[in-house]
């Protein structure tokens, strides 16, 4: 299965955020750019998010803009958006997911596995896109996680430790490791990692 890549992006404040931090939630990923007419979709996606306040998903917009936050933020502000918006100034996401055009979209399950992609044509006004999102939400979590079934908790912990080793200052990566360790009953080790983020 193709997974959401663990690349470093920036939020609207300039802080580093990794897609890895959204593990555990379904993700609707919308890629746009300040120079693209698709920027006009932001108010529509904001209305969509306000209408669909669910605990188990997150809507993430990624601006593919070499000018970074400086190019994307005025458009985000003008749209009065409050959903998660990240900036990919290096096109790291585009290279990892092999897309060259925007707008595009990806539906990503709780395990970080991409279950649907649109390269071009991902539009908040498209009934086809809305129908697919609705069916994505109705699928049981176990169906989403089926591609990960062979991955044991031990393997997940090992991978999370590798992420911590390569990103020691990333709070979300440490929190994820702590969550997995607690799930495995390793409370003291989990507490040691949490103490780094408090």
N, C-alpha and C. Protein backbone atom coordinates (compact mmCIF):
# COMPACT_ATOMS: atom_id res chain seq x y z
N UNK A 1 0.82 -1.21 0.00
CA UNK A 1 0.00 0.00 0.00
C UNK A 1 0.85 1.26 0.00
N UNK A 2 0.33 2.33 -0.59
CA UNK A 2 1.03 3.61 -0.61
C UNK A 2 0.64 4.37 0.65
N UNK A 3 1.65 4.86 1.36
CA UNK A 3 1.40 5.57 2.62
C UNK A 3 1.67 7.06 2.46
N UNK A 4 1.02 7.82 3.33
CA UNK A 4 1.30 9.25 3.40
C UNK A 4 2.75 9.42 3.83
N UNK A 5 3.56 10.13 3.08
CA UNK A 5 4.99 10.24 3.42
C UNK A 5 5.23 11.10 4.66
N UNK A 6 6.30 10.79 5.36
CA UNK A 6 6.65 11.54 6.57
C UNK A 6 7.63 12.64 6.18
N UNK A 7 7.10 13.68 5.53
CA UNK A 7 7.93 14.80 5.09
C UNK A 7 7.70 15.99 6.02
N UNK A 8 8.67 16.89 6.08
CA UNK A 8 8.56 18.08 6.94
C UNK A 8 7.89 19.21 6.16
N UNK A 9 6.75 19.67 6.67
CA UNK A 9 6.03 20.79 6.08
C UNK A 9 5.91 21.88 7.13
N UNK A 10 5.42 23.05 6.74
CA UNK A 10 5.25 24.16 7.69
C UNK A 10 3.77 24.51 7.84
N UNK A 11 3.38 24.87 9.07
CA UNK A 11 2.02 25.38 9.23
C UNK A 11 2.01 26.89 9.01
N UNK A 12 0.87 27.52 9.23
CA UNK A 12 0.75 28.95 8.93
C UNK A 12 1.58 29.84 9.86
N UNK A 13 2.10 29.26 10.95
CA UNK A 13 2.97 30.04 11.84
C UNK A 13 4.44 29.82 11.52
N UNK A 14 4.72 28.88 10.58
CA UNK A 14 6.10 28.56 10.24
C UNK A 14 6.65 27.38 11.00
N UNK A 15 5.83 26.78 11.90
CA UNK A 15 6.29 25.61 12.67
C UNK A 15 6.28 24.37 11.78
N UNK A 16 7.18 23.44 12.07
CA UNK A 16 7.27 22.20 11.30
C UNK A 16 6.18 21.23 11.73
N UNK A 17 5.50 20.66 10.76
CA UNK A 17 4.46 19.65 11.00
C UNK A 17 4.72 18.51 10.03
N UNK A 18 4.57 17.28 10.50
CA UNK A 18 4.75 16.11 9.65
C UNK A 18 3.42 15.39 9.49
N UNK A 19 3.09 14.94 8.29
CA UNK A 19 1.86 14.19 8.09
C UNK A 19 1.74 12.99 9.04
N UNK A 20 2.88 12.47 9.47
CA UNK A 20 2.91 11.35 10.42
C UNK A 20 2.09 11.66 11.67
N UNK A 21 2.01 12.94 12.04
CA UNK A 21 1.31 13.32 13.27
C UNK A 21 -0.20 13.12 13.17
N UNK A 22 -0.73 12.85 11.97
CA UNK A 22 -2.17 12.64 11.82
C UNK A 22 -2.56 11.17 11.89
N UNK A 23 -1.60 10.29 12.16
CA UNK A 23 -1.91 8.87 12.30
C UNK A 23 -3.00 8.70 13.36
N UNK A 24 -3.92 7.77 13.11
CA UNK A 24 -5.00 7.54 14.06
C UNK A 24 -6.29 8.23 13.65
N UNK A 25 -6.23 9.10 12.63
CA UNK A 25 -7.42 9.77 12.12
C UNK A 25 -7.50 9.58 10.61
N UNK A 26 -8.73 9.56 10.10
CA UNK A 26 -8.88 9.61 8.64
C UNK A 26 -8.51 11.02 8.20
N UNK A 27 -7.85 11.13 7.07
CA UNK A 27 -7.39 12.43 6.58
C UNK A 27 -7.94 12.69 5.18
N UNK A 28 -8.52 13.87 5.00
CA UNK A 28 -8.84 14.36 3.66
C UNK A 28 -7.74 15.37 3.35
N UNK A 29 -6.94 15.07 2.36
CA UNK A 29 -5.79 15.92 2.02
C UNK A 29 -6.08 16.64 0.70
N UNK A 30 -6.08 17.97 0.76
CA UNK A 30 -6.35 18.80 -0.42
C UNK A 30 -5.09 19.60 -0.73
N UNK A 31 -4.53 19.39 -1.92
CA UNK A 31 -3.34 20.13 -2.34
C UNK A 31 -3.73 21.24 -3.30
N UNK A 32 -3.24 22.45 -3.03
CA UNK A 32 -3.59 23.63 -3.81
C UNK A 32 -2.36 24.51 -3.94
N UNK A 33 -2.50 25.69 -4.53
CA UNK A 33 -1.38 26.63 -4.63
C UNK A 33 -1.94 28.04 -4.75
N UNK A 34 -1.16 29.01 -4.29
CA UNK A 34 -1.62 30.40 -4.31
C UNK A 34 -1.77 30.92 -5.74
N UNK A 35 -1.05 30.34 -6.69
CA UNK A 35 -1.07 30.79 -8.08
C UNK A 35 -2.13 30.07 -8.92
N UNK A 36 -2.85 29.12 -8.28
CA UNK A 36 -3.82 28.28 -8.99
C UNK A 36 -5.24 28.75 -8.69
N UNK A 37 -6.11 28.68 -9.67
CA UNK A 37 -7.51 29.03 -9.45
C UNK A 37 -8.15 28.20 -8.36
N UNK A 38 -7.55 27.05 -8.05
CA UNK A 38 -8.10 26.17 -7.00
C UNK A 38 -8.05 26.83 -5.62
N UNK A 39 -7.31 27.94 -5.49
CA UNK A 39 -7.29 28.66 -4.21
C UNK A 39 -8.70 29.14 -3.85
N UNK A 40 -9.55 29.32 -4.87
CA UNK A 40 -10.92 29.78 -4.63
C UNK A 40 -11.78 28.71 -3.97
N UNK A 41 -11.24 27.48 -3.86
CA UNK A 41 -11.98 26.41 -3.18
C UNK A 41 -11.89 26.53 -1.66
N UNK A 42 -10.94 27.28 -1.14
CA UNK A 42 -10.75 27.31 0.32
C UNK A 42 -12.02 27.68 1.09
N UNK A 43 -12.77 28.71 0.70
CA UNK A 43 -14.00 28.99 1.45
C UNK A 43 -15.00 27.83 1.40
N UNK A 44 -15.06 27.13 0.26
CA UNK A 44 -15.94 25.97 0.14
C UNK A 44 -15.53 24.84 1.07
N UNK A 45 -14.22 24.61 1.16
CA UNK A 45 -13.73 23.57 2.07
C UNK A 45 -13.95 23.99 3.53
N UNK A 46 -13.84 25.29 3.82
CA UNK A 46 -14.12 25.76 5.17
C UNK A 46 -15.59 25.47 5.53
N UNK A 47 -16.50 25.73 4.61
CA UNK A 47 -17.92 25.43 4.85
C UNK A 47 -18.12 23.93 5.04
N UNK A 48 -17.40 23.13 4.25
CA UNK A 48 -17.49 21.67 4.36
C UNK A 48 -17.05 21.22 5.75
N UNK A 49 -15.92 21.76 6.23
CA UNK A 49 -15.40 21.40 7.55
C UNK A 49 -16.38 21.79 8.65
N UNK A 50 -16.96 22.97 8.55
CA UNK A 50 -17.92 23.43 9.56
C UNK A 50 -19.16 22.56 9.59
N UNK A 51 -19.55 22.05 8.43
CA UNK A 51 -20.74 21.21 8.33
C UNK A 51 -20.48 19.78 8.80
N UNK A 52 -19.23 19.36 8.74
CA UNK A 52 -18.87 17.96 9.05
C UNK A 52 -17.85 17.91 10.18
N UNK A 53 -18.29 18.25 11.35
CA UNK A 53 -17.40 18.22 12.52
C UNK A 53 -17.44 16.83 13.13
N UNK A 54 -16.49 16.00 12.73
CA UNK A 54 -16.39 14.63 13.23
C UNK A 54 -15.06 14.45 13.95
N UNK A 55 -15.06 13.64 15.00
CA UNK A 55 -13.85 13.47 15.81
C UNK A 55 -12.78 12.62 15.15
N UNK A 56 -13.19 11.75 14.22
CA UNK A 56 -12.23 10.76 13.72
C UNK A 56 -11.61 11.14 12.38
N UNK A 57 -11.75 12.40 11.96
CA UNK A 57 -11.09 12.80 10.72
C UNK A 57 -10.51 14.20 10.86
N UNK A 58 -9.57 14.49 9.99
CA UNK A 58 -9.00 15.83 9.94
C UNK A 58 -8.89 16.23 8.46
N UNK A 59 -9.27 17.47 8.17
CA UNK A 59 -9.11 18.01 6.82
C UNK A 59 -7.80 18.79 6.81
N UNK A 60 -6.93 18.46 5.87
CA UNK A 60 -5.61 19.10 5.78
C UNK A 60 -5.43 19.66 4.37
N UNK A 61 -5.21 20.95 4.29
CA UNK A 61 -4.91 21.59 3.00
C UNK A 61 -3.40 21.85 2.95
N UNK A 62 -2.79 21.53 1.83
CA UNK A 62 -1.36 21.76 1.66
C UNK A 62 -1.14 22.67 0.45
N UNK A 63 -0.54 23.83 0.71
CA UNK A 63 -0.21 24.77 -0.37
C UNK A 63 1.16 24.40 -0.94
N UNK A 64 1.19 24.08 -2.22
CA UNK A 64 2.44 23.76 -2.89
C UNK A 64 2.97 25.08 -3.44
N UNK A 65 3.74 25.79 -2.63
CA UNK A 65 4.16 27.15 -2.97
C UNK A 65 5.62 27.38 -2.64
N UNK A 66 6.44 27.70 -3.64
CA UNK A 66 7.86 27.95 -3.39
C UNK A 66 8.05 29.18 -2.51
N UNK A 67 7.09 30.10 -2.51
CA UNK A 67 7.17 31.29 -1.66
C UNK A 67 6.81 31.01 -0.22
N UNK A 68 6.44 29.79 0.09
CA UNK A 68 6.17 29.38 1.46
C UNK A 68 4.95 30.05 2.07
N UNK A 69 5.01 30.22 3.38
CA UNK A 69 3.90 30.80 4.15
C UNK A 69 3.55 32.19 3.63
N UNK A 70 4.54 32.97 3.21
CA UNK A 70 4.28 34.33 2.73
C UNK A 70 3.31 34.36 1.56
N UNK A 71 3.36 33.36 0.68
CA UNK A 71 2.44 33.30 -0.46
C UNK A 71 1.08 32.73 -0.06
N UNK A 72 1.08 31.72 0.79
CA UNK A 72 -0.15 31.00 1.11
C UNK A 72 -1.02 31.68 2.16
N UNK A 73 -0.41 32.29 3.16
CA UNK A 73 -1.19 32.80 4.30
C UNK A 73 -2.21 33.88 3.92
N UNK A 74 -1.90 34.84 3.04
CA UNK A 74 -2.92 35.84 2.70
C UNK A 74 -4.19 35.21 2.12
N UNK A 75 -4.03 34.16 1.34
CA UNK A 75 -5.19 33.50 0.73
C UNK A 75 -5.96 32.71 1.80
N UNK A 76 -5.22 32.05 2.67
CA UNK A 76 -5.82 31.32 3.80
C UNK A 76 -6.61 32.28 4.68
N UNK A 77 -6.02 33.43 4.99
CA UNK A 77 -6.69 34.44 5.83
C UNK A 77 -7.93 35.00 5.14
N UNK A 78 -7.81 35.28 3.85
CA UNK A 78 -8.94 35.85 3.11
C UNK A 78 -10.12 34.87 3.08
N UNK A 79 -9.81 33.57 3.07
CA UNK A 79 -10.86 32.55 3.06
C UNK A 79 -11.48 32.34 4.44
N UNK A 80 -10.88 33.00 5.46
CA UNK A 80 -11.33 32.83 6.86
C UNK A 80 -11.32 31.36 7.24
N UNK A 81 -10.29 30.68 6.78
CA UNK A 81 -10.16 29.24 7.03
C UNK A 81 -9.59 29.00 8.43
N UNK A 82 -10.06 27.92 9.05
CA UNK A 82 -9.47 27.54 10.34
C UNK A 82 -9.10 26.06 10.37
N UNK A 83 -9.11 25.41 9.20
CA UNK A 83 -8.68 24.02 9.15
C UNK A 83 -7.15 23.98 9.06
N UNK A 84 -6.59 22.79 9.27
CA UNK A 84 -5.14 22.62 9.22
C UNK A 84 -4.66 22.95 7.81
N UNK A 85 -3.77 23.93 7.71
CA UNK A 85 -3.18 24.28 6.42
C UNK A 85 -1.66 24.28 6.55
N UNK A 86 -1.02 23.52 5.67
CA UNK A 86 0.43 23.39 5.68
C UNK A 86 0.98 23.91 4.36
N UNK A 87 2.26 24.20 4.34
CA UNK A 87 2.92 24.71 3.14
C UNK A 87 4.09 23.78 2.78
N UNK A 88 4.15 23.44 1.51
CA UNK A 88 5.21 22.59 0.99
C UNK A 88 6.02 23.42 -0.01
N UNK A 89 6.99 24.15 0.48
CA UNK A 89 7.79 25.03 -0.38
C UNK A 89 8.77 24.26 -1.25
N UNK A 90 9.12 23.05 -0.86
CA UNK A 90 10.10 22.25 -1.60
C UNK A 90 9.47 21.20 -2.50
N UNK A 91 8.14 21.16 -2.56
CA UNK A 91 7.41 20.15 -3.33
C UNK A 91 7.77 18.73 -2.90
N UNK A 92 8.07 18.56 -1.61
CA UNK A 92 8.43 17.23 -1.09
C UNK A 92 7.27 16.26 -1.19
N UNK A 93 6.06 16.76 -0.91
CA UNK A 93 4.87 15.91 -0.98
C UNK A 93 4.59 15.50 -2.42
N UNK A 94 4.70 16.47 -3.33
CA UNK A 94 4.48 16.18 -4.74
C UNK A 94 5.44 15.14 -5.28
N UNK A 95 6.70 15.23 -4.87
CA UNK A 95 7.69 14.25 -5.31
C UNK A 95 7.41 12.88 -4.71
N UNK A 96 7.05 12.85 -3.42
CA UNK A 96 6.81 11.57 -2.75
C UNK A 96 5.56 10.88 -3.28
N UNK A 97 4.53 11.67 -3.60
CA UNK A 97 3.26 11.09 -4.06
C UNK A 97 3.10 11.15 -5.58
N UNK A 98 4.14 11.62 -6.26
CA UNK A 98 4.20 11.62 -7.71
C UNK A 98 3.04 12.39 -8.36
N UNK A 99 2.87 13.65 -7.93
CA UNK A 99 1.92 14.50 -8.64
C UNK A 99 2.61 15.79 -9.06
N UNK A 100 2.16 16.32 -10.20
CA UNK A 100 2.75 17.55 -10.74
C UNK A 100 1.71 18.64 -10.94
N UNK A 101 0.43 18.33 -10.69
CA UNK A 101 -0.62 19.31 -10.88
C UNK A 101 -1.44 19.48 -9.61
N UNK A 102 -2.01 20.67 -9.46
CA UNK A 102 -2.98 20.93 -8.41
C UNK A 102 -4.20 21.54 -9.11
N UNK A 103 -5.41 21.36 -8.56
CA UNK A 103 -5.67 20.74 -7.27
C UNK A 103 -5.66 19.22 -7.38
N UNK A 104 -5.36 18.58 -6.29
CA UNK A 104 -5.52 17.15 -6.20
C UNK A 104 -5.87 16.79 -4.76
N UNK A 105 -6.30 15.57 -4.57
CA UNK A 105 -6.72 15.17 -3.24
C UNK A 105 -6.44 13.71 -2.96
N UNK A 106 -6.32 13.41 -1.68
CA UNK A 106 -6.07 12.05 -1.22
C UNK A 106 -6.94 11.76 0.00
N UNK A 107 -7.50 10.57 0.06
CA UNK A 107 -8.17 10.10 1.26
C UNK A 107 -7.22 9.11 1.92
N UNK A 108 -6.91 9.35 3.17
CA UNK A 108 -5.89 8.57 3.88
C UNK A 108 -6.53 7.98 5.13
N UNK A 109 -6.37 6.68 5.34
CA UNK A 109 -7.00 6.06 6.51
C UNK A 109 -6.18 6.26 7.78
N UNK A 110 -6.70 5.71 8.90
CA UNK A 110 -6.08 5.92 10.20
C UNK A 110 -4.66 5.39 10.29
N UNK A 111 -4.34 4.43 9.42
CA UNK A 111 -3.01 3.83 9.42
C UNK A 111 -2.03 4.58 8.52
N UNK A 112 -2.51 5.67 7.89
CA UNK A 112 -1.64 6.43 7.01
C UNK A 112 -1.59 5.88 5.60
N UNK A 113 -2.49 4.93 5.27
CA UNK A 113 -2.53 4.33 3.94
C UNK A 113 -3.48 5.13 3.05
N UNK A 114 -3.01 5.47 1.86
CA UNK A 114 -3.84 6.21 0.90
C UNK A 114 -4.83 5.24 0.26
N UNK A 115 -6.13 5.51 0.44
CA UNK A 115 -7.15 4.62 -0.11
C UNK A 115 -7.81 5.19 -1.36
N UNK A 116 -7.59 6.47 -1.65
CA UNK A 116 -8.15 7.09 -2.86
C UNK A 116 -7.30 8.30 -3.21
N UNK A 117 -7.09 8.52 -4.49
CA UNK A 117 -6.40 9.74 -4.91
C UNK A 117 -7.04 10.31 -6.16
N UNK A 118 -7.02 11.62 -6.25
CA UNK A 118 -7.46 12.36 -7.43
C UNK A 118 -6.30 13.24 -7.85
N UNK A 119 -5.78 13.05 -9.03
CA UNK A 119 -4.77 13.96 -9.56
C UNK A 119 -5.50 14.87 -10.54
N UNK A 120 -5.79 16.07 -10.09
CA UNK A 120 -6.64 16.98 -10.84
C UNK A 120 -8.09 16.64 -10.55
N UNK A 121 -8.96 17.65 -10.60
CA UNK A 121 -10.39 17.40 -10.45
C UNK A 121 -10.89 17.19 -9.04
N UNK A 122 -10.04 17.41 -8.05
CA UNK A 122 -10.51 17.27 -6.66
C UNK A 122 -11.13 18.60 -6.25
N UNK A 123 -12.47 18.64 -6.30
CA UNK A 123 -13.17 19.90 -6.12
C UNK A 123 -14.29 19.75 -5.11
N UNK A 124 -14.37 20.70 -4.19
CA UNK A 124 -15.39 20.68 -3.14
C UNK A 124 -16.79 20.72 -3.75
N UNK A 125 -16.93 21.25 -4.96
CA UNK A 125 -18.22 21.33 -5.61
C UNK A 125 -18.59 20.11 -6.43
N UNK A 126 -17.73 19.09 -6.46
CA UNK A 126 -17.97 17.90 -7.26
C UNK A 126 -18.80 16.87 -6.49
N UNK A 127 -20.01 16.52 -6.99
CA UNK A 127 -20.81 15.49 -6.32
C UNK A 127 -20.06 14.16 -6.22
N UNK A 128 -19.27 13.84 -7.24
CA UNK A 128 -18.51 12.58 -7.23
C UNK A 128 -17.51 12.55 -6.07
N UNK A 129 -16.81 13.67 -5.86
CA UNK A 129 -15.85 13.75 -4.75
C UNK A 129 -16.59 13.65 -3.42
N UNK A 130 -17.70 14.36 -3.27
CA UNK A 130 -18.46 14.33 -2.02
C UNK A 130 -19.02 12.94 -1.73
N UNK A 131 -19.49 12.25 -2.77
CA UNK A 131 -20.01 10.88 -2.58
C UNK A 131 -18.91 9.94 -2.11
N UNK A 132 -17.71 10.09 -2.70
CA UNK A 132 -16.60 9.20 -2.30
C UNK A 132 -16.17 9.49 -0.87
N UNK A 133 -16.14 10.76 -0.46
CA UNK A 133 -15.80 11.10 0.92
C UNK A 133 -16.83 10.50 1.87
N UNK A 134 -18.12 10.61 1.52
CA UNK A 134 -19.18 10.06 2.36
C UNK A 134 -19.03 8.55 2.52
N UNK A 135 -18.71 7.85 1.43
CA UNK A 135 -18.54 6.39 1.54
C UNK A 135 -17.27 6.05 2.31
N UNK A 136 -16.25 6.87 2.20
CA UNK A 136 -15.00 6.68 2.95
C UNK A 136 -15.29 6.72 4.45
N UNK A 137 -16.12 7.67 4.87
CA UNK A 137 -16.46 7.78 6.29
C UNK A 137 -17.27 6.60 6.79
N UNK A 138 -18.08 6.00 5.91
CA UNK A 138 -18.96 4.90 6.33
C UNK A 138 -18.21 3.58 6.45
N UNK A 139 -17.05 3.48 5.81
CA UNK A 139 -16.29 2.23 5.88
C UNK A 139 -15.82 2.01 7.31
N UNK A 140 -15.98 0.79 7.83
CA UNK A 140 -15.53 0.53 9.20
C UNK A 140 -14.01 0.66 9.33
N UNK A 141 -13.59 1.06 10.50
CA UNK A 141 -12.15 1.27 10.74
C UNK A 141 -11.34 0.03 10.42
N UNK A 142 -11.86 -1.13 10.75
CA UNK A 142 -11.08 -2.35 10.49
C UNK A 142 -10.83 -2.53 9.01
N UNK A 143 -11.78 -2.11 8.17
CA UNK A 143 -11.56 -2.22 6.72
C UNK A 143 -10.45 -1.28 6.29
N UNK A 144 -10.43 -0.08 6.87
CA UNK A 144 -9.36 0.86 6.56
C UNK A 144 -8.00 0.29 6.96
N UNK A 145 -7.99 -0.40 8.10
CA UNK A 145 -6.71 -0.86 8.65
C UNK A 145 -6.26 -2.20 8.09
N UNK A 146 -7.08 -2.83 7.28
CA UNK A 146 -6.74 -4.15 6.77
C UNK A 146 -5.35 -4.22 6.14
N UNK A 147 -4.89 -3.21 5.37
CA UNK A 147 -3.54 -3.30 4.79
C UNK A 147 -2.45 -3.34 5.84
N UNK A 148 -2.78 -2.89 7.06
CA UNK A 148 -1.77 -2.85 8.12
C UNK A 148 -1.85 -4.07 9.03
N UNK A 149 -2.77 -5.00 8.76
CA UNK A 149 -3.05 -6.08 9.69
C UNK A 149 -1.80 -6.86 10.11
N UNK A 150 -0.87 -7.04 9.19
CA UNK A 150 0.32 -7.82 9.49
C UNK A 150 1.31 -7.07 10.37
N UNK A 151 1.10 -5.77 10.53
CA UNK A 151 2.05 -4.97 11.30
C UNK A 151 1.71 -5.03 12.77
N UNK A 152 2.49 -5.76 13.55
CA UNK A 152 2.22 -5.93 14.98
C UNK A 152 2.54 -4.65 15.75
N UNK A 153 2.07 -4.62 16.99
CA UNK A 153 2.36 -3.48 17.85
C UNK A 153 3.86 -3.33 18.06
N UNK A 154 4.55 -4.45 18.15
CA UNK A 154 6.01 -4.42 18.33
C UNK A 154 6.69 -3.74 17.14
N UNK A 155 6.23 -4.05 15.93
CA UNK A 155 6.80 -3.43 14.73
C UNK A 155 6.47 -1.94 14.71
N UNK A 156 5.22 -1.58 15.08
CA UNK A 156 4.84 -0.17 15.11
C UNK A 156 5.72 0.60 16.10
N UNK A 157 6.01 -0.01 17.26
CA UNK A 157 6.85 0.64 18.27
C UNK A 157 8.28 0.80 17.74
N UNK A 158 8.79 -0.23 17.08
CA UNK A 158 10.14 -0.16 16.52
C UNK A 158 10.23 0.98 15.49
N UNK A 159 9.22 1.07 14.62
CA UNK A 159 9.21 2.13 13.61
C UNK A 159 9.10 3.50 14.27
N UNK A 160 8.25 3.60 15.31
CA UNK A 160 8.08 4.89 16.00
C UNK A 160 9.38 5.30 16.69
N UNK A 161 10.12 4.33 17.24
CA UNK A 161 11.41 4.65 17.86
C UNK A 161 12.41 5.16 16.82
N UNK A 162 12.36 4.59 15.63
CA UNK A 162 13.23 5.05 14.55
C UNK A 162 12.89 6.50 14.18
N UNK A 163 11.59 6.81 14.17
CA UNK A 163 11.16 8.18 13.88
C UNK A 163 11.67 9.14 14.95
N UNK A 164 11.61 8.71 16.21
CA UNK A 164 12.10 9.56 17.31
C UNK A 164 13.61 9.77 17.18
N UNK A 165 14.33 8.70 16.83
CA UNK A 165 15.78 8.82 16.66
C UNK A 165 16.14 9.82 15.57
N UNK A 166 15.35 9.82 14.48
CA UNK A 166 15.67 10.74 13.39
C UNK A 166 15.04 12.12 13.55
N UNK A 167 14.06 12.24 14.48
CA UNK A 167 13.39 13.52 14.73
C UNK A 167 13.27 13.75 16.24
N UNK A 168 14.38 13.83 16.97
CA UNK A 168 14.32 13.86 18.44
C UNK A 168 13.57 15.06 19.03
N UNK A 169 13.45 16.15 18.28
CA UNK A 169 12.78 17.34 18.81
C UNK A 169 11.32 17.45 18.38
N UNK A 170 10.82 16.46 17.63
CA UNK A 170 9.45 16.51 17.14
C UNK A 170 8.50 15.97 18.22
N UNK A 171 7.72 16.87 18.80
CA UNK A 171 6.83 16.53 19.92
C UNK A 171 5.79 15.50 19.49
N UNK A 172 5.21 15.65 18.31
CA UNK A 172 4.16 14.72 17.86
C UNK A 172 4.69 13.31 17.67
N UNK A 173 5.92 13.19 17.19
CA UNK A 173 6.52 11.88 16.99
C UNK A 173 6.72 11.20 18.34
N UNK A 174 7.20 11.96 19.34
CA UNK A 174 7.38 11.39 20.68
C UNK A 174 6.04 11.00 21.31
N UNK A 175 5.03 11.84 21.11
CA UNK A 175 3.70 11.51 21.66
C UNK A 175 3.15 10.22 21.06
N UNK A 176 3.35 10.06 19.76
CA UNK A 176 2.88 8.85 19.11
C UNK A 176 3.59 7.62 19.67
N UNK A 177 4.89 7.71 19.88
CA UNK A 177 5.62 6.60 20.47
C UNK A 177 5.11 6.30 21.87
N UNK A 178 4.90 7.34 22.66
CA UNK A 178 4.39 7.15 24.02
C UNK A 178 3.03 6.46 24.01
N UNK A 179 2.17 6.86 23.06
CA UNK A 179 0.83 6.25 22.96
C UNK A 179 0.95 4.75 22.65
N UNK A 180 1.86 4.39 21.74
CA UNK A 180 2.05 2.98 21.40
C UNK A 180 2.63 2.20 22.58
N UNK A 181 3.58 2.82 23.29
CA UNK A 181 4.18 2.14 24.45
C UNK A 181 3.13 1.90 25.54
N UNK A 182 2.25 2.88 25.76
CA UNK A 182 1.20 2.70 26.77
C UNK A 182 0.25 1.58 26.36
N UNK A 183 -0.04 1.52 25.06
CA UNK A 183 -0.91 0.47 24.54
C UNK A 183 -0.29 -0.90 24.80
N UNK A 184 1.05 -0.95 24.81
CA UNK A 184 1.79 -2.20 25.04
C UNK A 184 2.07 -2.45 26.52
N UNK A 185 1.57 -1.55 27.39
CA UNK A 185 1.76 -1.72 28.83
C UNK A 185 3.11 -1.27 29.34
N UNK A 186 3.90 -0.57 28.53
CA UNK A 186 5.23 -0.10 28.92
C UNK A 186 5.13 1.35 29.40
N UNK A 187 4.50 1.51 30.56
CA UNK A 187 4.15 2.84 31.07
C UNK A 187 5.36 3.69 31.44
N UNK A 188 6.36 3.07 32.07
CA UNK A 188 7.55 3.84 32.48
C UNK A 188 8.31 4.38 31.27
N UNK A 189 8.45 3.54 30.25
CA UNK A 189 9.14 3.98 29.03
C UNK A 189 8.35 5.08 28.33
N UNK A 190 7.01 4.93 28.34
CA UNK A 190 6.16 5.95 27.73
C UNK A 190 6.31 7.27 28.48
N UNK A 191 6.34 7.19 29.82
CA UNK A 191 6.47 8.40 30.64
C UNK A 191 7.81 9.10 30.37
N UNK A 192 8.85 8.31 30.15
CA UNK A 192 10.16 8.89 29.86
C UNK A 192 10.10 9.72 28.57
N UNK A 193 9.39 9.24 27.57
CA UNK A 193 9.26 10.00 26.33
C UNK A 193 8.37 11.21 26.50
N UNK A 194 7.31 11.07 27.28
CA UNK A 194 6.42 12.21 27.52
C UNK A 194 7.12 13.32 28.29
N UNK A 195 8.07 12.94 29.15
CA UNK A 195 8.77 13.96 29.93
C UNK A 195 9.59 14.89 29.03
N UNK A 196 9.93 14.43 27.82
CA UNK A 196 10.67 15.26 26.86
C UNK A 196 9.79 16.34 26.23
N UNK A 197 8.46 16.13 26.29
CA UNK A 197 7.56 17.07 25.59
C UNK A 197 6.80 17.98 26.56
N UNK A 198 6.98 17.78 27.84
CA UNK A 198 6.27 18.61 28.83
C UNK A 198 7.12 19.83 29.19
